[in-house]
């Protein structure tokens, strides 16, 4: 499935991909949105994540934003 999605995007198409699998998100997506209890808490370009969050990996960041009390 991910190979199909990558080819589909390379052809100029857009996919809205919902997942809790951070590895798949990093492989397939160029942009990420974090939603916690139905509220968008984050919206960022994955290629810029390391620059805006130095020393933090995406999975840890996701968990910190989705634990109860994490995202305000």
PDB file of N, CA and C in Angstrom:
ATOM      1  N   UNK A   1       0.822  -1.195   0.000  1.00  0.00           N
ATOM      2  CA  UNK A   1       0.000   0.000   0.000  1.00  0.00           C
ATOM      3  C   UNK A   1       0.864   1.255   0.000  1.00  0.00           C
ATOM      4  N   UNK A   2       1.910   1.290   0.816  1.00  0.00           N
ATOM      5  CA  UNK A   2       2.725   2.507   0.885  1.00  0.00           C
ATOM      6  C   UNK A   2       3.422   2.785  -0.444  1.00  0.00           C
ATOM      7  N   UNK A   3       3.831   1.740  -1.181  1.00  0.00           N
ATOM      8  CA  UNK A   3       4.446   1.958  -2.494  1.00  0.00           C
ATOM      9  C   UNK A   3       3.449   2.615  -3.445  1.00  0.00           C
ATOM     10  N   UNK A   4       2.201   2.147  -3.405  1.00  0.00           N
ATOM     11  CA  UNK A   4       1.161   2.754  -4.237  1.00  0.00           C
ATOM     12  C   UNK A   4       0.972   4.223  -3.862  1.00  0.00           C
ATOM     13  N   UNK A   5       0.911   4.509  -2.560  1.00  0.00           N
ATOM     14  CA  UNK A   5       0.699   5.892  -2.120  1.00  0.00           C
ATOM     15  C   UNK A   5       1.862   6.782  -2.532  1.00  0.00           C
ATOM     16  N   UNK A   6       3.084   6.290  -2.416  1.00  0.00           N
ATOM     17  CA  UNK A   6       4.250   7.078  -2.823  1.00  0.00           C
ATOM     18  C   UNK A   6       4.201   7.395  -4.313  1.00  0.00           C
ATOM     19  N   UNK A   7       3.863   6.416  -5.132  1.00  0.00           N
ATOM     20  CA  UNK A   7       3.754   6.639  -6.578  1.00  0.00           C
ATOM     21  C   UNK A   7       2.614   7.606  -6.898  1.00  0.00           C
ATOM     22  N   UNK A   8       1.521   7.481  -6.191  1.00  0.00           N
ATOM     23  CA  UNK A   8       0.366   8.355  -6.395  1.00  0.00           C
ATOM     24  C   UNK A   8       0.737   9.809  -6.115  1.00  0.00           C
ATOM     25  N   UNK A   9       1.461  10.041  -5.036  1.00  0.00           N
ATOM     26  CA  UNK A   9       1.894  11.394  -4.676  1.00  0.00           C
ATOM     27  C   UNK A   9       2.923  11.914  -5.675  1.00  0.00           C
ATOM     28  N   UNK A  10       3.854  11.053  -6.097  1.00  0.00           N
ATOM     29  CA  UNK A  10       4.861  11.465  -7.085  1.00  0.00           C
ATOM     30  C   UNK A  10       4.212  11.904  -8.395  1.00  0.00           C
ATOM     31  N   UNK A  11       3.020  11.382  -8.671  1.00  0.00           N
ATOM     32  CA  UNK A  11       2.296  11.747  -9.889  1.00  0.00           C
ATOM     33  C   UNK A  11       1.552  13.077  -9.732  1.00  0.00           C
ATOM     34  N   UNK A  12       1.746  13.742  -8.589  1.00  0.00           N
ATOM     35  CA  UNK A  12       1.142  15.052  -8.385  1.00  0.00           C
ATOM     36  C   UNK A  12      -0.171  15.047  -7.626  1.00  0.00           C
ATOM     37  N   UNK A  13      -0.527  13.913  -7.079  1.00  0.00           N
ATOM     38  CA  UNK A  13      -1.776  13.804  -6.334  1.00  0.00           C
ATOM     39  C   UNK A  13      -1.546  14.048  -4.844  1.00  0.00           C
ATOM     40  N   UNK A  14      -2.630  14.246  -4.127  1.00  0.00           N
ATOM     41  CA  UNK A  14      -2.583  14.497  -2.683  1.00  0.00           C
ATOM     42  C   UNK A  14      -3.332  13.377  -1.961  1.00  0.00           C
ATOM     43  N   UNK A  15      -2.825  12.988  -0.796  1.00  0.00           N
ATOM     44  CA  UNK A  15      -3.474  11.966   0.026  1.00  0.00           C
ATOM     45  C   UNK A  15      -3.638  12.519   1.435  1.00  0.00           C
ATOM     46  N   UNK A  16      -4.813  12.334   2.004  1.00  0.00           N
ATOM     47  CA  UNK A  16      -5.019  12.606   3.420  1.00  0.00           C
ATOM     48  C   UNK A  16      -4.855  11.266   4.121  1.00  0.00           C
ATOM     49  N   UNK A  17      -3.800  11.137   4.918  1.00  0.00           N
ATOM     50  CA  UNK A  17      -3.408   9.865   5.514  1.00  0.00           C
ATOM     51  C   UNK A  17      -3.495   9.991   7.026  1.00  0.00           C
ATOM     52  N   UNK A  18      -4.348   9.208   7.644  1.00  0.00           N
ATOM     53  CA  UNK A  18      -4.518   9.234   9.095  1.00  0.00           C
ATOM     54  C   UNK A  18      -3.874   7.987   9.689  1.00  0.00           C
ATOM     55  N   UNK A  19      -2.948   8.187  10.638  1.00  0.00           N
ATOM     56  CA  UNK A  19      -2.240   7.043  11.201  1.00  0.00           C
ATOM     57  C   UNK A  19      -1.646   7.388  12.556  1.00  0.00           C
ATOM     58  N   UNK A  20      -1.485   6.365  13.382  1.00  0.00           N
ATOM     59  CA  UNK A  20      -0.724   6.489  14.622  1.00  0.00           C
ATOM     60  C   UNK A  20       0.659   5.869  14.443  1.00  0.00           C
ATOM     61  N   UNK A  21       0.936   5.343  13.259  1.00  0.00           N
ATOM     62  CA  UNK A  21       2.233   4.730  12.969  1.00  0.00           C
ATOM     63  C   UNK A  21       3.187   5.813  12.465  1.00  0.00           C
ATOM     64  N   UNK A  22       4.044   6.286  13.364  1.00  0.00           N
ATOM     65  CA  UNK A  22       4.932   7.406  13.049  1.00  0.00           C
ATOM     66  C   UNK A  22       5.891   7.053  11.915  1.00  0.00           C
ATOM     67  N   UNK A  23       6.356   5.808  11.853  1.00  0.00           N
ATOM     68  CA  UNK A  23       7.262   5.411  10.769  1.00  0.00           C
ATOM     69  C   UNK A  23       6.592   5.562   9.408  1.00  0.00           C
ATOM     70  N   UNK A  24       5.342   5.151   9.305  1.00  0.00           N
ATOM     71  CA  UNK A  24       4.612   5.300   8.041  1.00  0.00           C
ATOM     72  C   UNK A  24       4.408   6.764   7.695  1.00  0.00           C
ATOM     73  N   UNK A  25       4.087   7.563   8.685  1.00  0.00           N
ATOM     74  CA  UNK A  25       3.895   8.999   8.454  1.00  0.00           C
ATOM     75  C   UNK A  25       5.177   9.614   7.904  1.00  0.00           C
ATOM     76  N   UNK A  26       6.310   9.292   8.521  1.00  0.00           N
ATOM     77  CA  UNK A  26       7.582   9.857   8.072  1.00  0.00           C
ATOM     78  C   UNK A  26       7.959   9.384   6.679  1.00  0.00           C
ATOM     79  N   UNK A  27       7.576   8.163   6.327  1.00  0.00           N
ATOM     80  CA  UNK A  27       7.922   7.610   5.017  1.00  0.00           C
ATOM     81  C   UNK A  27       7.046   8.182   3.901  1.00  0.00           C
ATOM     82  N   UNK A  28       5.769   8.373   4.185  1.00  0.00           N
ATOM     83  CA  UNK A  28       4.811   8.717   3.146  1.00  0.00           C
ATOM     84  C   UNK A  28       4.501  10.212   3.064  1.00  0.00           C
ATOM     85  N   UNK A  29       4.465  10.875   4.192  1.00  0.00           N
ATOM     86  CA  UNK A  29       3.943  12.250   4.245  1.00  0.00           C
ATOM     87  C   UNK A  29       5.039  13.308   4.167  1.00  0.00           C
ATOM     88  N   UNK A  30       4.656  14.479   3.676  1.00  0.00           N
ATOM     89  CA  UNK A  30       5.577  15.617   3.715  1.00  0.00           C
ATOM     90  C   UNK A  30       5.110  16.650   4.733  1.00  0.00           C
ATOM     91  N   UNK A  31       3.895  16.494   5.209  1.00  0.00           N
ATOM     92  CA  UNK A  31       3.327  17.415   6.198  1.00  0.00           C
ATOM     93  C   UNK A  31       2.576  16.581   7.234  1.00  0.00           C
ATOM     94  N   UNK A  32       2.564  17.038   8.493  1.00  0.00           N
ATOM     95  CA  UNK A  32       1.861  16.313   9.552  1.00  0.00           C
ATOM     96  C   UNK A  32       0.970  17.262  10.340  1.00  0.00           C
ATOM     97  N   UNK A  33      -0.151  16.740  10.754  1.00  0.00           N
ATOM     98  CA  UNK A  33      -1.070  17.446  11.640  1.00  0.00           C
ATOM     99  C   UNK A  33      -1.330  16.511  12.813  1.00  0.00           C
ATOM    100  N   UNK A  34      -1.238  17.041  14.023  1.00  0.00           N
ATOM    101  CA  UNK A  34      -1.554  16.255  15.212  1.00  0.00           C
ATOM    102  C   UNK A  34      -2.908  16.725  15.718  1.00  0.00           C
ATOM    103  N   UNK A  35      -3.804  15.756  15.913  1.00  0.00           N
ATOM    104  CA  UNK A  35      -5.142  16.045  16.419  1.00  0.00           C
ATOM    105  C   UNK A  35      -5.299  15.314  17.745  1.00  0.00           C
ATOM    106  N   UNK A  36      -5.706  16.048  18.763  1.00  0.00           N
ATOM    107  CA  UNK A  36      -5.884  15.475  20.099  1.00  0.00           C
ATOM    108  C   UNK A  36      -7.287  15.806  20.590  1.00  0.00           C
ATOM    109  N   UNK A  37      -8.081  14.777  20.857  1.00  0.00           N
ATOM    110  CA  UNK A  37      -9.477  14.947  21.280  1.00  0.00           C
ATOM    111  C   UNK A  37     -10.243  15.852  20.316  1.00  0.00           C
ATOM    112  N   UNK A  38     -10.015  15.654  19.013  1.00  0.00           N
ATOM    113  CA  UNK A  38     -10.738  16.393  17.992  1.00  0.00           C
ATOM    114  C   UNK A  38     -10.255  17.812  17.732  1.00  0.00           C
ATOM    115  N   UNK A  39      -9.161  18.207  18.381  1.00  0.00           N
ATOM    116  CA  UNK A  39      -8.627  19.559  18.223  1.00  0.00           C
ATOM    117  C   UNK A  39      -7.247  19.494  17.580  1.00  0.00           C
ATOM    118  N   UNK A  40      -7.046  20.266  16.507  1.00  0.00           N
ATOM    119  CA  UNK A  40      -5.732  20.319  15.867  1.00  0.00           C
ATOM    120  C   UNK A  40      -4.768  21.049  16.799  1.00  0.00           C
ATOM    121  N   UNK A  41      -3.691  20.364  17.193  1.00  0.00           N
ATOM    122  CA  UNK A  41      -2.713  20.976  18.097  1.00  0.00           C
ATOM    123  C   UNK A  41      -1.440  21.382  17.375  1.00  0.00           C
ATOM    124  N   UNK A  42      -1.134  20.722  16.268  1.00  0.00           N
ATOM    125  CA  UNK A  42       0.102  20.989  15.530  1.00  0.00           C
ATOM    126  C   UNK A  42      -0.134  20.793  14.044  1.00  0.00           C
ATOM    127  N   UNK A  43       0.600  21.547  13.240  1.00  0.00           N
ATOM    128  CA  UNK A  43       0.551  21.444  11.784  1.00  0.00           C
ATOM    129  C   UNK A  43       1.919  21.888  11.284  1.00  0.00           C
ATOM    130  N   UNK A  44       2.699  20.955  10.717  1.00  0.00           N
ATOM    131  CA  UNK A  44       4.068  21.300  10.332  1.00  0.00           C
ATOM    132  C   UNK A  44       4.561  20.473   9.157  1.00  0.00           C
ATOM    133  N   UNK A  45       5.593  20.982   8.505  1.00  0.00           N
ATOM    134  CA  UNK A  45       6.274  20.281   7.424  1.00  0.00           C
ATOM    135  C   UNK A  45       7.293  19.344   8.063  1.00  0.00           C
ATOM    136  N   UNK A  46       7.236  18.074   7.714  1.00  0.00           N
ATOM    137  CA  UNK A  46       8.121  17.094   8.350  1.00  0.00           C
ATOM    138  C   UNK A  46       9.596  17.395   8.116  1.00  0.00           C
ATOM    139  N   UNK A  47       9.941  17.907   6.938  1.00  0.00           N
ATOM    140  CA  UNK A  47      11.350  18.207   6.640  1.00  0.00           C
ATOM    141  C   UNK A  47      11.900  19.307   7.545  1.00  0.00           C
ATOM    142  N   UNK A  48      11.028  20.119   8.125  1.00  0.00           N
ATOM    143  CA  UNK A  48      11.456  21.214   8.999  1.00  0.00           C
ATOM    144  C   UNK A  48      11.416  20.846  10.478  1.00  0.00           C
ATOM    145  N   UNK A  49      10.886  19.665  10.802  1.00  0.00           N
ATOM    146  CA  UNK A  49      10.702  19.279  12.203  1.00  0.00           C
ATOM    147  C   UNK A  49      12.015  19.292  12.986  1.00  0.00           C
ATOM    148  N   UNK A  50      13.072  18.723  12.433  1.00  0.00           N
ATOM    149  CA  UNK A  50      14.362  18.661  13.144  1.00  0.00           C
ATOM    150  C   UNK A  50      14.905  20.056  13.441  1.00  0.00           C
ATOM    151  N   UNK A  51      14.659  21.009  12.540  1.00  0.00           N
ATOM    152  CA  UNK A  51      15.129  22.381  12.760  1.00  0.00           C
ATOM    153  C   UNK A  51      14.317  23.095  13.836  1.00  0.00           C
ATOM    154  N   UNK A  52      13.027  22.837  13.871  1.00  0.00           N
ATOM    155  CA  UNK A  52      12.164  23.528  14.829  1.00  0.00           C
ATOM    156  C   UNK A  52      12.077  22.827  16.180  1.00  0.00           C
ATOM    157  N   UNK A  53      12.503  21.560  16.231  1.00  0.00           N
ATOM    158  CA  UNK A  53      12.474  20.777  17.472  1.00  0.00           C
ATOM    159  C   UNK A  53      13.799  20.020  17.628  1.00  0.00           C
ATOM    160  N   UNK A  54      14.905  20.740  17.796  1.00  0.00           N
ATOM    161  CA  UNK A  54      16.222  20.091  17.853  1.00  0.00           C
ATOM    162  C   UNK A  54      16.315  19.063  18.984  1.00  0.00           C
ATOM    163  N   UNK A  55      16.871  17.907  18.642  1.00  0.00           N
ATOM    164  CA  UNK A  55      17.088  16.851  19.623  1.00  0.00           C
ATOM    165  C   UNK A  55      15.849  16.051  19.983  1.00  0.00           C
ATOM    166  N   UNK A  56      14.726  16.330  19.345  1.00  0.00           N
ATOM    167  CA  UNK A  56      13.481  15.630  19.664  1.00  0.00           C
ATOM    168  C   UNK A  56      13.051  14.788  18.467  1.00  0.00           C
ATOM    169  N   UNK A  57      12.665  13.534  18.724  1.00  0.00           N
ATOM    170  CA  UNK A  57      12.181  12.710  17.620  1.00  0.00           C
ATOM    171  C   UNK A  57      10.660  12.854  17.521  1.00  0.00           C
ATOM    172  N   UNK A  58      10.156  12.590  16.342  1.00  0.00           N
ATOM    173  CA  UNK A  58       8.740  12.821  16.052  1.00  0.00           C
ATOM    174  C   UNK A  58       7.828  11.979  16.939  1.00  0.00           C
ATOM    175  N   UNK A  59       8.189  10.739  17.192  1.00  0.00           N
ATOM    176  CA  UNK A  59       7.334   9.881  18.016  1.00  0.00           C
ATOM    177  C   UNK A  59       7.212  10.422  19.440  1.00  0.00           C
ATOM    178  N   UNK A  60       8.321  10.825  20.039  1.00  0.00           N
ATOM    179  CA  UNK A  60       8.282  11.395  21.393  1.00  0.00           C
ATOM    180  C   UNK A  60       7.455  12.674  21.414  1.00  0.00           C
ATOM    181  N   UNK A  61       7.618  13.492  20.384  1.00  0.00           N
ATOM    182  CA  UNK A  61       6.854  14.734  20.301  1.00  0.00           C
ATOM    183  C   UNK A  61       5.360  14.434  20.200  1.00  0.00           C
ATOM    184  N   UNK A  62       4.999  13.494  19.334  1.00  0.00           N
ATOM    185  CA  UNK A  62       3.599  13.103  19.180  1.00  0.00           C
ATOM    186  C   UNK A  62       3.020  12.649  20.518  1.00  0.00           C
ATOM    187  N   UNK A  63       3.755  11.786  21.220  1.00  0.00           N
ATOM    188  CA  UNK A  63       3.269  11.290  22.508  1.00  0.00           C
ATOM    189  C   UNK A  63       3.125  12.409  23.530  1.00  0.00           C
ATOM    190  N   UNK A  64       4.060  13.347  23.532  1.00  0.00           N
ATOM    191  CA  UNK A  64       3.976  14.460  24.488  1.00  0.00           C
ATOM    192  C   UNK A  64       2.779  15.365  24.201  1.00  0.00           C
ATOM    193  N   UNK A  65       2.376  15.449  22.953  1.00  0.00           N
ATOM    194  CA  UNK A  65       1.256  16.310  22.563  1.00  0.00           C
ATOM    195  C   UNK A  65      -0.098  15.616  22.704  1.00  0.00           C
ATOM    196  N   UNK A  66      -0.110  14.287  22.804  1.00  0.00           N
ATOM    197  CA  UNK A  66      -1.382  13.569  22.852  1.00  0.00           C
ATOM    198  C   UNK A  66      -1.672  12.929  24.200  1.00  0.00           C
ATOM    199  N   UNK A  67      -0.740  12.968  25.115  1.00  0.00           N
ATOM    200  CA  UNK A  67      -1.048  12.509  26.473  1.00  0.00           C
ATOM    201  C   UNK A  67      -2.007  13.516  27.087  1.00  0.00           C
ATOM    202  N   UNK A  68      -2.876  13.042  27.966  1.00  0.00           N
ATOM    203  CA  UNK A  68      -3.797  13.971  28.630  1.00  0.00           C
ATOM    204  C   UNK A  68      -3.004  15.049  29.334  1.00  0.00           C
ATOM    205  N   UNK A  69      -3.366  16.280  29.066  1.00  0.00           N
ATOM    206  CA  UNK A  69      -2.659  17.422  29.626  1.00  0.00           C
ATOM    207  C   UNK A  69      -1.492  17.881  28.781  1.00  0.00           C
ATOM    208  N   UNK A  70      -1.123  17.119  27.733  1.00  0.00           N
ATOM    209  CA  UNK A  70       0.034  17.463  26.908  1.00  0.00           C
ATOM    210  C   UNK A  70      -0.192  18.643  25.993  1.00  0.00           C
ATOM    211  N   UNK A  71      -1.307  18.680  25.336  1.00  0.00           N
ATOM    212  CA  UNK A  71      -1.596  19.773  24.392  1.00  0.00           C
ATOM    213  C   UNK A  71      -2.678  20.654  24.985  1.00  0.00           C
ATOM    214  N   UNK A  72      -2.393  21.900  25.080  1.00  0.00           N
ATOM    215  CA  UNK A  72      -3.357  22.848  25.665  1.00  0.00           C
ATOM    216  C   UNK A  72      -3.876  23.785  24.606  1.00  0.00           C
TER     217      UNK A  72
END
